[in-house]
Amino acid sequence: SLGMQRRVALARAFAIEPDVLLMDEPFTSLDEATADR
């Protein structure tokens, strides 16, 4: 699902242990329950 794909994208971002994390409306188009999770 789109929500699970976004979890993977989030995991990939944290994989490098970033100093700076840029996020461009990553929870858009999700239902409220999924976005809250």
PDB file of all heavy atoms in Angstrom:
ATOM      1  N   SER A   1       0.851  -1.189   0.000  1.00  0.00           N
ATOM      2  CA  SER A   1       0.000   0.000   0.000  1.00  0.00           C
ATOM      3  C   SER A   1       0.891   1.245   0.000  1.00  0.00           C
ATOM      4  O   SER A   1       2.097   1.182   0.287  1.00  0.00           O
ATOM      5  CB  SER A   1      -0.884   0.011   1.246  1.00  0.00           C
ATOM      6  OG  SER A   1      -0.092   0.189   2.409  1.00  0.00           O
ATOM      7  N   LEU A   2       0.280   2.396  -0.309  1.00  0.00           N
ATOM      8  CA  LEU A   2       1.044   3.648  -0.305  1.00  0.00           C
ATOM      9  C   LEU A   2       1.617   3.931   1.076  1.00  0.00           C
ATOM     10  O   LEU A   2       2.773   4.363   1.204  1.00  0.00           O
ATOM     11  CB  LEU A   2       0.148   4.806  -0.756  1.00  0.00           C
ATOM     12  CG  LEU A   2       0.794   6.197  -0.774  1.00  0.00           C
ATOM     13  CD1 LEU A   2       2.014   6.223  -1.693  1.00  0.00           C
ATOM     14  CD2 LEU A   2      -0.225   7.254  -1.192  1.00  0.00           C
ATOM     15  N   GLY A   3       0.839   3.668   2.120  1.00  0.00           N
ATOM     16  CA  GLY A   3       1.339   3.888   3.466  1.00  0.00           C
ATOM     17  C   GLY A   3       2.553   3.035   3.781  1.00  0.00           C
ATOM     18  O   GLY A   3       3.528   3.503   4.392  1.00  0.00           O
ATOM     19  N   MET A   4       2.542   1.757   3.349  1.00  0.00           N
ATOM     20  CA  MET A   4       3.681   0.870   3.596  1.00  0.00           C
ATOM     21  C   MET A   4       4.879   1.277   2.746  1.00  0.00           C
ATOM     22  O   MET A   4       6.028   1.201   3.189  1.00  0.00           O
ATOM     23  CB  MET A   4       3.270  -0.574   3.326  1.00  0.00           C
ATOM     24  CG  MET A   4       2.243  -1.100   4.312  1.00  0.00           C
ATOM     25  SD  MET A   4       1.773  -2.829   4.023  1.00  0.00           S
ATOM     26  CE  MET A   4       3.201  -3.677   4.681  1.00  0.00           C
ATOM     27  N   GLN A   5       4.630   1.729   1.516  1.00  0.00           N
ATOM     28  CA  GLN A   5       5.734   2.228   0.693  1.00  0.00           C
ATOM     29  C   GLN A   5       6.417   3.419   1.372  1.00  0.00           C
ATOM     30  O   GLN A   5       7.641   3.549   1.330  1.00  0.00           O
ATOM     31  CB  GLN A   5       5.223   2.639  -0.687  1.00  0.00           C
ATOM     32  CG  GLN A   5       4.838   1.479  -1.586  1.00  0.00           C
ATOM     33  CD  GLN A   5       4.389   1.935  -2.959  1.00  0.00           C
ATOM     34  OE1 GLN A   5       4.875   2.936  -3.490  1.00  0.00           O
ATOM     35  NE2 GLN A   5       3.439   1.223  -3.538  1.00  0.00           N
ATOM     36  N   ARG A   6       5.617   4.252   2.000  1.00  0.00           N
ATOM     37  CA  ARG A   6       6.203   5.418   2.671  1.00  0.00           C
ATOM     38  C   ARG A   6       6.975   5.019   3.920  1.00  0.00           C
ATOM     39  O   ARG A   6       7.937   5.676   4.300  1.00  0.00           O
ATOM     40  CB  ARG A   6       5.108   6.439   2.981  1.00  0.00           C
ATOM     41  CG  ARG A   6       4.665   7.133   1.699  1.00  0.00           C
ATOM     42  CD  ARG A   6       3.738   8.275   1.939  1.00  0.00           C
ATOM     43  NE  ARG A   6       3.632   9.070   0.724  1.00  0.00           N
ATOM     44  CZ  ARG A   6       2.581   9.766   0.375  1.00  0.00           C
ATOM     45  NH1 ARG A   6       1.519   9.781   1.150  1.00  0.00           N
ATOM     46  NH2 ARG A   6       2.572  10.482  -0.735  1.00  0.00           N
ATOM     47  N   ARG A   7       6.574   3.942   4.563  1.00  0.00           N
ATOM     48  CA  ARG A   7       7.382   3.420   5.670  1.00  0.00           C
ATOM     49  C   ARG A   7       8.757   2.989   5.163  1.00  0.00           C
ATOM     50  O   ARG A   7       9.782   3.240   5.805  1.00  0.00           O
ATOM     51  CB  ARG A   7       6.694   2.213   6.308  1.00  0.00           C
ATOM     52  CG  ARG A   7       5.501   2.536   7.168  1.00  0.00           C
ATOM     53  CD  ARG A   7       5.179   1.353   8.066  1.00  0.00           C
ATOM     54  NE  ARG A   7       3.771   1.206   8.318  1.00  0.00           N
ATOM     55  CZ  ARG A   7       3.228   0.297   9.096  1.00  0.00           C
ATOM     56  NH1 ARG A   7       4.024  -0.598   9.684  1.00  0.00           N
ATOM     57  NH2 ARG A   7       1.927   0.230   9.286  1.00  0.00           N
ATOM     58  N   VAL A   8       8.771   2.333   4.020  1.00  0.00           N
ATOM     59  CA  VAL A   8      10.050   1.888   3.441  1.00  0.00           C
ATOM     60  C   VAL A   8      10.921   3.096   3.096  1.00  0.00           C
ATOM     61  O   VAL A   8      12.131   3.105   3.356  1.00  0.00           O
ATOM     62  CB  VAL A   8       9.812   1.019   2.187  1.00  0.00           C
ATOM     63  CG1 VAL A   8      11.143   0.602   1.571  1.00  0.00           C
ATOM     64  CG2 VAL A   8       8.981  -0.214   2.541  1.00  0.00           C
ATOM     65  N   ALA A   9      10.312   4.130   2.501  1.00  0.00           N
ATOM     66  CA  ALA A   9      11.064   5.340   2.169  1.00  0.00           C
ATOM     67  C   ALA A   9      11.641   5.987   3.423  1.00  0.00           C
ATOM     68  O   ALA A   9      12.777   6.488   3.424  1.00  0.00           O
ATOM     69  CB  ALA A   9      10.165   6.323   1.421  1.00  0.00           C
ATOM     70  N   LEU A  10      10.877   5.956   4.512  1.00  0.00           N
ATOM     71  CA  LEU A  10      11.349   6.508   5.781  1.00  0.00           C
ATOM     72  C   LEU A  10      12.512   5.679   6.330  1.00  0.00           C
ATOM     73  O   LEU A  10      13.519   6.230   6.798  1.00  0.00           O
ATOM     74  CB  LEU A  10      10.185   6.538   6.769  1.00  0.00           C
ATOM     75  CG  LEU A  10      10.334   7.389   8.029  1.00  0.00           C
ATOM     76  CD1 LEU A  10      10.619   8.835   7.690  1.00  0.00           C
ATOM     77  CD2 LEU A  10       9.067   7.280   8.880  1.00  0.00           C
ATOM     78  N   ALA A  11      12.390   4.361   6.248  1.00  0.00           N
ATOM     79  CA  ALA A  11      13.475   3.487   6.700  1.00  0.00           C
ATOM     80  C   ALA A  11      14.736   3.730   5.884  1.00  0.00           C
ATOM     81  O   ALA A  11      15.845   3.772   6.427  1.00  0.00           O
ATOM     82  CB  ALA A  11      13.046   2.024   6.593  1.00  0.00           C
ATOM     83  N   ARG A  12      14.595   3.889   4.575  1.00  0.00           N
ATOM     84  CA  ARG A  12      15.760   4.148   3.709  1.00  0.00           C
ATOM     85  C   ARG A  12      16.437   5.456   4.101  1.00  0.00           C
ATOM     86  O   ARG A  12      17.664   5.557   4.097  1.00  0.00           O
ATOM     87  CB  ARG A  12      15.317   4.190   2.251  1.00  0.00           C
ATOM     88  CG  ARG A  12      16.460   4.373   1.253  1.00  0.00           C
ATOM     89  CD  ARG A  12      15.958   4.299  -0.173  1.00  0.00           C
ATOM     90  NE  ARG A  12      14.948   5.323  -0.442  1.00  0.00           N
ATOM     91  CZ  ARG A  12      14.197   5.348  -1.554  1.00  0.00           C
ATOM     92  NH1 ARG A  12      14.331   4.407  -2.470  1.00  0.00           N
ATOM     93  NH2 ARG A  12      13.303   6.301  -1.729  1.00  0.00           N
ATOM     94  N   ALA A  13      15.633   6.470   4.452  1.00  0.00           N
ATOM     95  CA  ALA A  13      16.210   7.753   4.853  1.00  0.00           C
ATOM     96  C   ALA A  13      17.025   7.615   6.139  1.00  0.00           C
ATOM     97  O   ALA A  13      18.120   8.177   6.258  1.00  0.00           O
ATOM     98  CB  ALA A  13      15.094   8.784   5.040  1.00  0.00           C
ATOM     99  N   PHE A  14      16.502   6.860   7.113  1.00  0.00           N
ATOM    100  CA  PHE A  14      17.204   6.716   8.383  1.00  0.00           C
ATOM    101  C   PHE A  14      18.383   5.749   8.290  1.00  0.00           C
ATOM    102  O   PHE A  14      19.213   5.708   9.200  1.00  0.00           O
ATOM    103  CB  PHE A  14      16.236   6.260   9.469  1.00  0.00           C
ATOM    104  CG  PHE A  14      15.475   7.383  10.106  1.00  0.00           C
ATOM    105  CD1 PHE A  14      14.159   7.642   9.757  1.00  0.00           C
ATOM    106  CD2 PHE A  14      16.073   8.200  11.044  1.00  0.00           C
ATOM    107  CE1 PHE A  14      13.448   8.683  10.336  1.00  0.00           C
ATOM    108  CE2 PHE A  14      15.379   9.255  11.640  1.00  0.00           C
ATOM    109  CZ  PHE A  14      14.060   9.496  11.273  1.00  0.00           C
ATOM    110  N   ALA A  15      18.460   4.998   7.210  1.00  0.00           N
ATOM    111  CA  ALA A  15      19.535   4.007   7.072  1.00  0.00           C
ATOM    112  C   ALA A  15      20.922   4.641   7.130  1.00  0.00           C
ATOM    113  O   ALA A  15      21.869   4.025   7.618  1.00  0.00           O
ATOM    114  CB  ALA A  15      19.370   3.228   5.767  1.00  0.00           C
ATOM    115  N   ILE A  16      21.039   5.869   6.637  1.00  0.00           N
ATOM    116  CA  ILE A  16      22.362   6.516   6.628  1.00  0.00           C
ATOM    117  C   ILE A  16      22.621   7.309   7.908  1.00  0.00           C
ATOM    118  O   ILE A  16      23.643   7.977   8.019  1.00  0.00           O
ATOM    119  CB  ILE A  16      22.520   7.441   5.409  1.00  0.00           C
ATOM    120  CG1 ILE A  16      21.520   8.600   5.474  1.00  0.00           C
ATOM    121  CG2 ILE A  16      22.384   6.660   4.109  1.00  0.00           C
ATOM    122  CD1 ILE A  16      21.799   9.693   4.458  1.00  0.00           C
ATOM    123  N   GLU A  17      21.695   7.243   8.882  1.00  0.00           N
ATOM    124  CA  GLU A  17      21.802   8.031  10.110  1.00  0.00           C
ATOM    125  C   GLU A  17      22.077   9.495   9.768  1.00  0.00           C
ATOM    126  O   GLU A  17      23.138  10.046  10.069  1.00  0.00           O
ATOM    127  CB  GLU A  17      22.876   7.466  11.034  1.00  0.00           C
ATOM    128  CG  GLU A  17      22.544   6.080  11.545  1.00  0.00           C
ATOM    129  CD  GLU A  17      23.444   5.631  12.685  1.00  0.00           C
ATOM    130  OE1 GLU A  17      24.489   6.288  12.915  1.00  0.00           O
ATOM    131  OE2 GLU A  17      23.105   4.643  13.335  1.00  0.00           O
ATOM    132  N   PRO A  18      21.102  10.171   9.161  1.00  0.00           N
ATOM    133  CA  PRO A  18      21.355  11.518   8.652  1.00  0.00           C
ATOM    134  C   PRO A  18      21.556  12.555   9.756  1.00  0.00           C
ATOM    135  O   PRO A  18      20.970  12.458  10.836  1.00  0.00           O
ATOM    136  CB  PRO A  18      20.080  11.828   7.854  1.00  0.00           C
ATOM    137  CG  PRO A  18      19.021  11.004   8.518  1.00  0.00           C
ATOM    138  CD  PRO A  18      19.717   9.733   8.914  1.00  0.00           C
ATOM    139  N   ASP A  19      22.392  13.543   9.452  1.00  0.00           N
ATOM    140  CA  ASP A  19      22.497  14.728  10.301  1.00  0.00           C
ATOM    141  C   ASP A  19      21.291  15.632  10.049  1.00  0.00           C
ATOM    142  O   ASP A  19      20.768  16.250  10.973  1.00  0.00           O
ATOM    143  CB  ASP A  19      23.771  15.517   9.978  1.00  0.00           C
ATOM    144  CG  ASP A  19      25.022  14.683  10.110  1.00  0.00           C
ATOM    145  OD1 ASP A  19      25.186  14.038  11.155  1.00  0.00           O
ATOM    146  OD2 ASP A  19      25.837  14.674   9.170  1.00  0.00           O
ATOM    147  N   VAL A  20      20.902  15.717   8.780  1.00  0.00           N
ATOM    148  CA  VAL A  20      19.787  16.566   8.361  1.00  0.00           C
ATOM    149  C   VAL A  20      18.802  15.707   7.573  1.00  0.00           C
ATOM    150  O   VAL A  20      19.188  15.000   6.642  1.00  0.00           O
ATOM    151  CB  VAL A  20      20.278  17.739   7.484  1.00  0.00           C
ATOM    152  CG1 VAL A  20      19.101  18.577   6.992  1.00  0.00           C
ATOM    153  CG2 VAL A  20      21.266  18.615   8.259  1.00  0.00           C
ATOM    154  N   LEU A  21      17.523  15.786   7.956  1.00  0.00           N
ATOM    155  CA  LEU A  21      16.475  15.029   7.286  1.00  0.00           C
ATOM    156  C   LEU A  21      15.489  16.014   6.655  1.00  0.00           C
ATOM    157  O   LEU A  21      14.865  16.815   7.352  1.00  0.00           O
ATOM    158  CB  LEU A  21      15.750  14.135   8.290  1.00  0.00           C
ATOM    159  CG  LEU A  21      14.547  13.332   7.782  1.00  0.00           C
ATOM    160  CD1 LEU A  21      14.951  12.388   6.654  1.00  0.00           C
ATOM    161  CD2 LEU A  21      13.890  12.562   8.928  1.00  0.00           C
ATOM    162  N   LEU A  22      15.372  15.965   5.326  1.00  0.00           N
ATOM    163  CA  LEU A  22      14.451  16.812   4.582  1.00  0.00           C
ATOM    164  C   LEU A  22      13.227  15.989   4.213  1.00  0.00           C
ATOM    165  O   LEU A  22      13.354  14.868   3.704  1.00  0.00           O
ATOM    166  CB  LEU A  22      15.117  17.354   3.307  1.00  0.00           C
ATOM    167  CG  LEU A  22      16.461  18.063   3.479  1.00  0.00           C
ATOM    168  CD1 LEU A  22      17.024  18.477   2.120  1.00  0.00           C
ATOM    169  CD2 LEU A  22      16.335  19.269   4.405  1.00  0.00           C
ATOM    170  N   MET A  23      12.029  16.539   4.455  1.00  0.00           N
ATOM    171  CA  MET A  23      10.802  15.791   4.205  1.00  0.00           C
ATOM    172  C   MET A  23       9.798  16.697   3.493  1.00  0.00           C
ATOM    173  O   MET A  23       9.431  17.759   4.007  1.00  0.00           O
ATOM    174  CB  MET A  23      10.222  15.264   5.524  1.00  0.00           C
ATOM    175  CG  MET A  23      11.212  14.467   6.348  1.00  0.00           C
ATOM    176  SD  MET A  23      10.455  13.591   7.744  1.00  0.00           S
ATOM    177  CE  MET A  23       9.660  12.237   6.894  1.00  0.00           C
ATOM    178  N   ASP A  24       9.373  16.271   2.316  1.00  0.00           N
ATOM    179  CA  ASP A  24       8.491  17.085   1.482  1.00  0.00           C
ATOM    180  C   ASP A  24       7.095  16.472   1.444  1.00  0.00           C
ATOM    181  O   ASP A  24       6.799  15.613   0.608  1.00  0.00           O
ATOM    182  CB  ASP A  24       9.077  17.197   0.070  1.00  0.00           C
ATOM    183  CG  ASP A  24       8.302  18.171  -0.802  1.00  0.00           C
ATOM    184  OD1 ASP A  24       7.373  18.820  -0.290  1.00  0.00           O
ATOM    185  OD2 ASP A  24       8.620  18.282  -1.997  1.00  0.00           O
ATOM    186  N   GLU A  25       6.226  16.893   2.357  1.00  0.00           N
ATOM    187  CA  GLU A  25       4.847  16.412   2.446  1.00  0.00           C
ATOM    188  C   GLU A  25       4.755  14.886   2.293  1.00  0.00           C
ATOM    189  O   GLU A  25       4.021  14.378   1.447  1.00  0.00           O
ATOM    190  CB  GLU A  25       3.973  17.111   1.398  1.00  0.00           C
ATOM    191  CG  GLU A  25       4.026  18.628   1.525  1.00  0.00           C
ATOM    192  CD  GLU A  25       2.786  19.322   1.022  1.00  0.00           C
ATOM    193  OE1 GLU A  25       1.677  18.935   1.415  1.00  0.00           O
ATOM    194  OE2 GLU A  25       2.929  20.271   0.246  1.00  0.00           O
ATOM    195  N   PRO A  26       5.498  14.144   3.117  1.00  0.00           N
ATOM    196  CA  PRO A  26       5.562  12.685   2.939  1.00  0.00           C
ATOM    197  C   PRO A  26       4.294  11.942   3.320  1.00  0.00           C
ATOM    198  O   PRO A  26       4.175  10.755   3.027  1.00  0.00           O
ATOM    199  CB  PRO A  26       6.719  12.282   3.859  1.00  0.00           C
ATOM    200  CG  PRO A  26       6.693  13.314   4.949  1.00  0.00           C
ATOM    201  CD  PRO A  26       6.306  14.589   4.267  1.00  0.00           C
ATOM    202  N   PHE A  27       3.344  12.620   3.988  1.00  0.00           N
ATOM    203  CA  PHE A  27       2.135  11.930   4.427  1.00  0.00           C
ATOM    204  C   PHE A  27       0.900  12.346   3.639  1.00  0.00           C
ATOM    205  O   PHE A  27      -0.225  12.018   4.022  1.00  0.00           O
ATOM    206  CB  PHE A  27       1.897  12.184   5.929  1.00  0.00           C
ATOM    207  CG  PHE A  27       3.079  11.854   6.794  1.00  0.00           C
ATOM    208  CD1 PHE A  27       3.375  12.600   7.916  1.00  0.00           C
ATOM    209  CD2 PHE A  27       3.922  10.791   6.477  1.00  0.00           C
ATOM    210  CE1 PHE A  27       4.472  12.307   8.711  1.00  0.00           C
ATOM    211  CE2 PHE A  27       5.029  10.484   7.259  1.00  0.00           C
ATOM    212  CZ  PHE A  27       5.298  11.242   8.381  1.00  0.00           C
ATOM    213  N   THR A  28       1.100  13.065   2.541  1.00  0.00           N
ATOM    214  CA  THR A  28      -0.038  13.515   1.741  1.00  0.00           C
ATOM    215  C   THR A  28      -0.708  12.325   1.056  1.00  0.00           C
ATOM    216  O   THR A  28      -0.083  11.291   0.805  1.00  0.00           O
ATOM    217  CB  THR A  28       0.430  14.539   0.683  1.00  0.00           C
ATOM    218  OG1 THR A  28      -0.712  15.146   0.078  1.00  0.00           O
ATOM    219  CG2 THR A  28       1.274  13.894  -0.401  1.00  0.00           C
ATOM    220  N   SER A  29      -1.997  12.452   0.789  1.00  0.00           N
ATOM    221  CA  SER A  29      -2.807  11.429   0.097  1.00  0.00           C
ATOM    222  C   SER A  29      -3.037  10.173   0.929  1.00  0.00           C
ATOM    223  O   SER A  29      -3.461   9.150   0.391  1.00  0.00           O
ATOM    224  CB  SER A  29      -2.176  11.033  -1.249  1.00  0.00           C
ATOM    225  OG  SER A  29      -2.010  12.160  -2.075  1.00  0.00           O
ATOM    226  N   LEU A  30      -2.763  10.233   2.216  1.00  0.00           N
ATOM    227  CA  LEU A  30      -3.025   9.089   3.097  1.00  0.00           C
ATOM    228  C   LEU A  30      -4.263   9.368   3.939  1.00  0.00           C
ATOM    229  O   LEU A  30      -4.568  10.521   4.267  1.00  0.00           O
ATOM    230  CB  LEU A  30      -1.832   8.850   4.026  1.00  0.00           C
ATOM    231  CG  LEU A  30      -0.510   8.443   3.381  1.00  0.00           C
ATOM    232  CD1 LEU A  30       0.574   8.364   4.450  1.00  0.00           C
ATOM    233  CD2 LEU A  30      -0.639   7.126   2.643  1.00  0.00           C
ATOM    234  N   ASP A  31      -4.980   8.304   4.314  1.00  0.00           N
ATOM    235  CA  ASP A  31      -6.068   8.499   5.251  1.00  0.00           C
ATOM    236  C   ASP A  31      -5.489   8.893   6.613  1.00  0.00           C
ATOM    237  O   ASP A  31      -4.311   8.648   6.898  1.00  0.00           O
ATOM    238  CB  ASP A  31      -6.925   7.239   5.367  1.00  0.00           C
ATOM    239  CG  ASP A  31      -6.147   6.058   5.944  1.00  0.00           C
ATOM    240  OD1 ASP A  31      -6.024   5.977   7.183  1.00  0.00           O
ATOM    241  OD2 ASP A  31      -5.642   5.241   5.151  1.00  0.00           O
ATOM    242  N   GLU A  32      -6.297   9.514   7.438  1.00  0.00           N
ATOM    243  CA  GLU A  32      -5.798  10.114   8.675  1.00  0.00           C
ATOM    244  C   GLU A  32      -5.192   9.079   9.622  1.00  0.00           C
ATOM    245  O   GLU A  32      -4.167   9.334  10.264  1.00  0.00           O
ATOM    246  CB  GLU A  32      -6.917  10.875   9.388  1.00  0.00           C
ATOM    247  CG  GLU A  32      -6.445  11.732  10.554  1.00  0.00           C
ATOM    248  CD  GLU A  32      -5.389  12.761  10.171  1.00  0.00           C
ATOM    249  OE1 GLU A  32      -5.379  13.220   9.007  1.00  0.00           O
ATOM    250  OE2 GLU A  32      -4.562  13.102  11.042  1.00  0.00           O
ATOM    251  N   ALA A  33      -5.785   7.896   9.696  1.00  0.00           N
ATOM    252  CA  ALA A  33      -5.248   6.866  10.596  1.00  0.00           C
ATOM    253  C   ALA A  33      -3.857   6.422  10.157  1.00  0.00           C
ATOM    254  O   ALA A  33      -2.946   6.275  10.979  1.00  0.00           O
ATOM    255  CB  ALA A  33      -6.199   5.670  10.645  1.00  0.00           C
ATOM    256  N   THR A  34      -3.685   6.222   8.855  1.00  0.00           N
ATOM    257  CA  THR A  34      -2.375   5.809   8.336  1.00  0.00           C
ATOM    258  C   THR A  34      -1.354   6.918   8.523  1.00  0.00           C
ATOM    259  O   THR A  34      -0.205   6.668   8.928  1.00  0.00           O
ATOM    260  CB  THR A  34      -2.479   5.447   6.843  1.00  0.00           C
ATOM    261  OG1 THR A  34      -3.423   4.387   6.680  1.00  0.00           O
ATOM    262  CG2 THR A  34      -1.137   5.005   6.288  1.00  0.00           C
ATOM    263  N   ALA A  35      -1.756   8.161   8.239  1.00  0.00           N
ATOM    264  CA  ALA A  35      -0.840   9.289   8.416  1.00  0.00           C
ATOM    265  C   ALA A  35      -0.423   9.416   9.875  1.00  0.00           C
ATOM    266  O   ALA A  35       0.753   9.681  10.175  1.00  0.00           O
ATOM    267  CB  ALA A  35      -1.502  10.575   7.932  1.00  0.00           C
ATOM    268  N   ASP A  36      -1.363   9.203  10.800  1.00  0.00           N
ATOM    269  CA  ASP A  36      -1.031   9.295  12.224  1.00  0.00           C
ATOM    270  C   ASP A  36      -0.035   8.220  12.641  1.00  0.00           C
ATOM    271  O   ASP A  36       0.874   8.474  13.438  1.00  0.00           O
ATOM    272  CB  ASP A  36      -2.297   9.184  13.072  1.00  0.00           C
ATOM    273  CG  ASP A  36      -2.677  10.500  13.724  1.00  0.00           C
ATOM    274  OD1 ASP A  36      -1.838  11.421  13.731  1.00  0.00           O
ATOM    275  OD2 ASP A  36      -3.806  10.620  14.213  1.00  0.00           O
ATOM    276  N   ARG A  37      -0.191   7.017  12.103  1.00  0.00           N
ATOM    277  CA  ARG A  37       0.769   5.948  12.415  1.00  0.00           C
ATOM    278  C   ARG A  37       2.167   6.322  11.921  1.00  0.00           C
ATOM    279  O   ARG A  37       3.168   6.078  12.604  1.00  0.00           O
ATOM    280  CB  ARG A  37       0.312   4.627  11.791  1.00  0.00           C
ATOM    281  CG  ARG A  37      -0.833   3.953  12.537  1.00  0.00           C
ATOM    282  CD  ARG A  37      -1.007   2.508  12.113  1.00  0.00           C
ATOM    283  NE  ARG A  37      -1.450   2.389  10.728  1.00  0.00           N
ATOM    284  CZ  ARG A  37      -2.711   2.395  10.342  1.00  0.00           C
ATOM    285  NH1 ARG A  37      -3.684   2.541  11.237  1.00  0.00           N
ATOM    286  NH2 ARG A  37      -3.031   2.270   9.065  1.00  0.00           N
TER     287      ARG A  37
END
